Each structure stands twice: as C-alpha cells, then as structure tokens.
Amino acid sequence: MAEKEELNWLEECGFGPKVMKSMKVCPHCGTVVDNEHRVCPDCGMRLLTKTLYDRYRERHLCCDKCGTVLADDSRYCPHCGNSLYLKVSGG
C-alpha cells in the first residue's frame, strides 16, 4: 500500500509515469508542453514524438517486465524479481 501512496504522491508533484507520458520538451528552447502539441508554442520548432517518459527510459536501465528503473549492475529487478542477467551481460 505504501508503494501506491508513493506513486500517487509522485504524480501529484508532477514526476510520475502518467505525468511524464503526457509531456514533451522542445529540443530548441526547452519549453515543456503537452504531449498533443506538434509544434512548440514558444519558438515554433517542430517537436519530437517522444515524451519525457520515452526519453527517460532510453537513458536508464529498466526492467522489461514492470518498468522499474535499475542500477547499471542489476541482475534482478528488486520490485518484481525478473531476471536481468541476459540483458545486462549481453549473452
């Protein structure tokens, strides 16, 4: 139950997955805009299709099963127990 409360708190503060999936950042001026925008309202630059959530997941090792962000040397997901050995070792 505490985990659900923590996720709700993150969402309320603007840092949870739901919020990150609904926002993009302009690559030119850095303006944060709603995911539905195709052009930055501040500078007119065309926006990338990737959301903040997509970009975050590209830059961090995440569990394929539950999406938990992991340490670079993780072998198992601490949240769901999914084995990451093959993914981390490359073999």
N, C-alpha and C. Protein backbone atom coordinates (compact mmCIF):
# COMPACT_ATOMS: atom_id res chain seq x y z
N MET A 1 0.82 -1.19 0.00
CA MET A 1 0.00 0.00 0.00
C MET A 1 0.87 1.26 0.00
N ALA A 2 1.98 1.23 0.70
CA ALA A 2 2.87 2.40 0.75
C ALA A 2 3.40 2.74 -0.63
N GLU A 3 3.65 1.72 -1.45
CA GLU A 3 4.17 1.95 -2.80
C GLU A 3 3.14 2.71 -3.66
N LYS A 4 1.88 2.34 -3.53
CA LYS A 4 0.82 3.03 -4.28
C LYS A 4 0.70 4.49 -3.82
N GLU A 5 0.82 4.72 -2.53
CA GLU A 5 0.77 6.08 -1.99
C GLU A 5 1.94 6.91 -2.50
N GLU A 6 3.11 6.29 -2.57
CA GLU A 6 4.30 6.99 -3.08
C GLU A 6 4.11 7.36 -4.55
N LEU A 7 3.57 6.44 -5.35
CA LEU A 7 3.32 6.72 -6.76
C LEU A 7 2.30 7.85 -6.92
N ASN A 8 1.26 7.83 -6.11
CA ASN A 8 0.26 8.91 -6.14
C ASN A 8 0.90 10.24 -5.79
N TRP A 9 1.79 10.24 -4.80
CA TRP A 9 2.47 11.47 -4.40
C TRP A 9 3.35 11.99 -5.54
N LEU A 10 4.08 11.07 -6.21
CA LEU A 10 4.91 11.48 -7.34
C LEU A 10 4.06 12.09 -8.45
N GLU A 11 2.92 11.48 -8.73
CA GLU A 11 2.02 12.01 -9.76
C GLU A 11 1.53 13.41 -9.38
N GLU A 12 1.17 13.60 -8.14
CA GLU A 12 0.70 14.90 -7.68
C GLU A 12 1.78 15.97 -7.81
N CYS A 13 3.03 15.58 -7.63
CA CYS A 13 4.15 16.52 -7.72
C CYS A 13 4.62 16.70 -9.16
N GLY A 14 4.08 15.92 -10.08
CA GLY A 14 4.43 16.07 -11.48
C GLY A 14 5.59 15.21 -11.94
N PHE A 15 5.91 14.14 -11.20
CA PHE A 15 7.07 13.32 -11.55
C PHE A 15 6.75 11.87 -11.85
N GLY A 16 5.51 11.46 -11.79
CA GLY A 16 5.16 10.07 -12.02
C GLY A 16 5.06 9.73 -13.50
N PRO A 17 4.95 8.43 -13.80
CA PRO A 17 4.88 7.99 -15.19
C PRO A 17 3.72 8.59 -15.97
N LYS A 18 2.56 8.74 -15.36
CA LYS A 18 1.41 9.30 -16.07
C LYS A 18 1.71 10.72 -16.54
N VAL A 19 2.30 11.50 -15.66
CA VAL A 19 2.64 12.89 -15.99
C VAL A 19 3.71 12.92 -17.08
N MET A 20 4.74 12.10 -16.92
CA MET A 20 5.83 12.08 -17.90
C MET A 20 5.36 11.61 -19.28
N LYS A 21 4.36 10.73 -19.32
CA LYS A 21 3.83 10.26 -20.60
C LYS A 21 2.99 11.33 -21.29
N SER A 22 2.60 12.36 -20.56
CA SER A 22 1.74 13.39 -21.15
C SER A 22 2.50 14.66 -21.52
N MET A 23 3.85 14.65 -21.42
CA MET A 23 4.63 15.85 -21.68
C MET A 23 5.78 15.60 -22.65
N LYS A 24 6.13 16.65 -23.36
CA LYS A 24 7.31 16.68 -24.24
C LYS A 24 8.12 17.91 -23.89
N VAL A 25 9.38 17.92 -24.30
CA VAL A 25 10.24 19.09 -24.12
C VAL A 25 10.72 19.52 -25.50
N CYS A 26 10.63 20.81 -25.77
CA CYS A 26 11.10 21.34 -27.04
C CYS A 26 12.62 21.18 -27.12
N PRO A 27 13.14 20.57 -28.19
CA PRO A 27 14.59 20.39 -28.30
C PRO A 27 15.34 21.69 -28.56
N HIS A 28 14.63 22.73 -28.94
CA HIS A 28 15.27 24.00 -29.25
C HIS A 28 15.32 24.94 -28.05
N CYS A 29 14.16 25.16 -27.41
CA CYS A 29 14.12 26.15 -26.32
C CYS A 29 13.88 25.56 -24.93
N GLY A 30 13.56 24.25 -24.86
CA GLY A 30 13.38 23.60 -23.56
C GLY A 30 12.01 23.78 -22.93
N THR A 31 11.08 24.35 -23.64
CA THR A 31 9.73 24.54 -23.11
C THR A 31 9.05 23.18 -22.93
N VAL A 32 8.40 22.99 -21.79
CA VAL A 32 7.66 21.77 -21.54
C VAL A 32 6.23 21.99 -22.03
N VAL A 33 5.77 21.07 -22.89
CA VAL A 33 4.44 21.21 -23.48
C VAL A 33 3.67 19.90 -23.37
N ASP A 34 2.37 19.99 -23.56
CA ASP A 34 1.50 18.83 -23.55
C ASP A 34 1.85 17.90 -24.71
N ASN A 35 1.70 16.63 -24.51
CA ASN A 35 2.03 15.60 -25.49
C ASN A 35 1.30 15.79 -26.82
N GLU A 36 0.15 16.41 -26.81
CA GLU A 36 -0.64 16.57 -28.03
C GLU A 36 -0.08 17.64 -28.97
N HIS A 37 0.78 18.51 -28.48
CA HIS A 37 1.37 19.54 -29.33
C HIS A 37 2.34 18.92 -30.34
N ARG A 38 2.34 19.44 -31.52
CA ARG A 38 3.29 19.00 -32.56
C ARG A 38 4.35 20.07 -32.82
N VAL A 39 4.03 21.32 -32.43
CA VAL A 39 4.93 22.46 -32.62
C VAL A 39 5.02 23.21 -31.29
N CYS A 40 6.21 23.67 -30.94
CA CYS A 40 6.41 24.42 -29.70
C CYS A 40 5.65 25.75 -29.77
N PRO A 41 4.83 26.04 -28.77
CA PRO A 41 4.09 27.30 -28.78
C PRO A 41 4.99 28.53 -28.54
N ASP A 42 6.19 28.32 -27.99
CA ASP A 42 7.09 29.44 -27.71
C ASP A 42 8.00 29.80 -28.88
N CYS A 43 8.60 28.79 -29.52
CA CYS A 43 9.58 29.10 -30.56
C CYS A 43 9.20 28.61 -31.96
N GLY A 44 8.13 27.82 -32.05
CA GLY A 44 7.68 27.34 -33.35
C GLY A 44 8.43 26.12 -33.88
N MET A 45 9.37 25.58 -33.11
CA MET A 45 10.14 24.40 -33.53
C MET A 45 9.25 23.17 -33.51
N ARG A 46 9.43 22.30 -34.49
CA ARG A 46 8.69 21.04 -34.53
C ARG A 46 9.15 20.16 -33.38
N LEU A 47 8.20 19.56 -32.67
CA LEU A 47 8.52 18.73 -31.51
C LEU A 47 8.74 17.29 -31.90
N LEU A 48 9.57 16.61 -31.17
CA LEU A 48 9.80 15.19 -31.35
C LEU A 48 8.55 14.43 -30.90
N THR A 49 8.38 13.22 -31.38
CA THR A 49 7.21 12.44 -30.99
C THR A 49 7.39 11.80 -29.61
N LYS A 50 8.62 11.71 -29.13
CA LYS A 50 8.90 11.06 -27.85
C LYS A 50 8.49 11.95 -26.67
N THR A 51 7.87 11.31 -25.68
CA THR A 51 7.51 12.01 -24.46
C THR A 51 8.68 12.00 -23.49
N LEU A 52 8.53 12.72 -22.38
CA LEU A 52 9.56 12.68 -21.33
C LEU A 52 9.78 11.25 -20.84
N TYR A 53 8.70 10.50 -20.74
CA TYR A 53 8.79 9.12 -20.28
C TYR A 53 9.62 8.28 -21.25
N ASP A 54 9.37 8.43 -22.55
CA ASP A 54 10.14 7.69 -23.56
C ASP A 54 11.63 8.02 -23.47
N ARG A 55 11.94 9.29 -23.35
CA ARG A 55 13.33 9.73 -23.30
C ARG A 55 14.02 9.24 -22.02
N TYR A 56 13.30 9.25 -20.91
CA TYR A 56 13.83 8.77 -19.64
C TYR A 56 14.18 7.29 -19.75
N ARG A 57 13.28 6.49 -20.31
CA ARG A 57 13.51 5.05 -20.43
C ARG A 57 14.65 4.72 -21.37
N GLU A 58 14.91 5.57 -22.35
CA GLU A 58 16.04 5.36 -23.26
C GLU A 58 17.38 5.54 -22.55
N ARG A 59 17.40 6.36 -21.51
CA ARG A 59 18.65 6.72 -20.85
C ARG A 59 18.92 5.92 -19.57
N HIS A 60 17.98 5.08 -19.16
CA HIS A 60 18.13 4.32 -17.93
C HIS A 60 17.81 2.85 -18.16
N LEU A 61 18.50 1.97 -17.45
CA LEU A 61 18.20 0.56 -17.49
C LEU A 61 16.90 0.34 -16.72
N CYS A 62 15.93 -0.28 -17.36
CA CYS A 62 14.63 -0.52 -16.74
C CYS A 62 14.26 -1.98 -16.90
N CYS A 63 13.50 -2.48 -15.96
CA CYS A 63 13.00 -3.84 -16.01
C CYS A 63 12.00 -3.96 -17.17
N ASP A 64 12.18 -4.96 -18.02
CA ASP A 64 11.27 -5.19 -19.13
C ASP A 64 9.89 -5.62 -18.67
N LYS A 65 9.83 -6.22 -17.50
CA LYS A 65 8.56 -6.75 -17.01
C LYS A 65 7.70 -5.69 -16.31
N CYS A 66 8.31 -4.88 -15.43
CA CYS A 66 7.49 -3.94 -14.65
C CYS A 66 7.87 -2.48 -14.85
N GLY A 67 8.99 -2.20 -15.53
CA GLY A 67 9.38 -0.82 -15.80
C GLY A 67 10.16 -0.13 -14.72
N THR A 68 10.50 -0.81 -13.64
CA THR A 68 11.27 -0.22 -12.56
C THR A 68 12.66 0.19 -13.05
N VAL A 69 13.11 1.39 -12.67
CA VAL A 69 14.45 1.85 -13.02
C VAL A 69 15.45 1.07 -12.16
N LEU A 70 16.54 0.62 -12.81
CA LEU A 70 17.50 -0.26 -12.15
C LEU A 70 18.90 0.33 -12.14
N ALA A 71 19.71 -0.13 -11.21
CA ALA A 71 21.13 0.21 -11.21
C ALA A 71 21.79 -0.47 -12.40
N ASP A 72 22.86 0.12 -12.90
CA ASP A 72 23.54 -0.42 -14.08
C ASP A 72 24.04 -1.85 -13.90
N ASP A 73 24.36 -2.24 -12.67
CA ASP A 73 24.89 -3.59 -12.42
C ASP A 73 23.83 -4.56 -11.89
N SER A 74 22.56 -4.22 -12.03
CA SER A 74 21.48 -5.08 -11.53
C SER A 74 21.43 -6.40 -12.29
N ARG A 75 21.15 -7.45 -11.56
CA ARG A 75 20.96 -8.78 -12.17
C ARG A 75 19.50 -9.22 -12.05
N TYR A 76 18.80 -8.66 -11.06
CA TYR A 76 17.38 -8.95 -10.83
C TYR A 76 16.67 -7.65 -10.51
N CYS A 77 15.41 -7.56 -10.89
CA CYS A 77 14.61 -6.39 -10.54
C CYS A 77 14.24 -6.49 -9.08
N PRO A 78 14.50 -5.46 -8.28
CA PRO A 78 14.15 -5.51 -6.86
C PRO A 78 12.64 -5.42 -6.62
N HIS A 79 11.92 -5.00 -7.63
CA HIS A 79 10.47 -4.84 -7.47
C HIS A 79 9.72 -6.14 -7.78
N CYS A 80 10.00 -6.76 -8.95
CA CYS A 80 9.23 -7.94 -9.37
C CYS A 80 10.05 -9.22 -9.40
N GLY A 81 11.38 -9.13 -9.25
CA GLY A 81 12.22 -10.32 -9.23
C GLY A 81 12.62 -10.83 -10.60
N ASN A 82 12.25 -10.13 -11.66
CA ASN A 82 12.59 -10.53 -13.02
C ASN A 82 14.11 -10.63 -13.18
N SER A 83 14.57 -11.71 -13.79
CA SER A 83 15.99 -11.92 -14.03
C SER A 83 16.45 -11.02 -15.18
N LEU A 84 17.52 -10.27 -14.96
CA LEU A 84 18.06 -9.37 -15.97
C LEU A 84 19.41 -9.84 -16.45
N TYR A 85 19.83 -11.00 -16.05
CA TYR A 85 21.19 -11.46 -16.31
C TYR A 85 21.54 -11.41 -17.79
N LEU A 86 20.68 -11.92 -18.64
CA LEU A 86 20.98 -11.94 -20.07
C LEU A 86 21.04 -10.54 -20.65
N LYS A 87 20.17 -9.66 -20.20
CA LYS A 87 20.14 -8.30 -20.71
C LYS A 87 21.40 -7.53 -20.29
N VAL A 88 21.81 -7.67 -19.03
CA VAL A 88 22.95 -6.94 -18.51
C VAL A 88 24.26 -7.48 -19.08
N SER A 89 24.37 -8.81 -19.14
CA SER A 89 25.63 -9.42 -19.56
C SER A 89 25.78 -9.42 -21.09
N GLY A 90 24.67 -9.25 -21.79
CA GLY A 90 24.72 -9.25 -23.24
C GLY A 90 24.81 -10.64 -23.83
N GLY A 91 24.71 -11.67 -23.01
CA GLY A 91 24.85 -13.02 -23.51
C GLY A 91 23.65 -13.78 -23.31
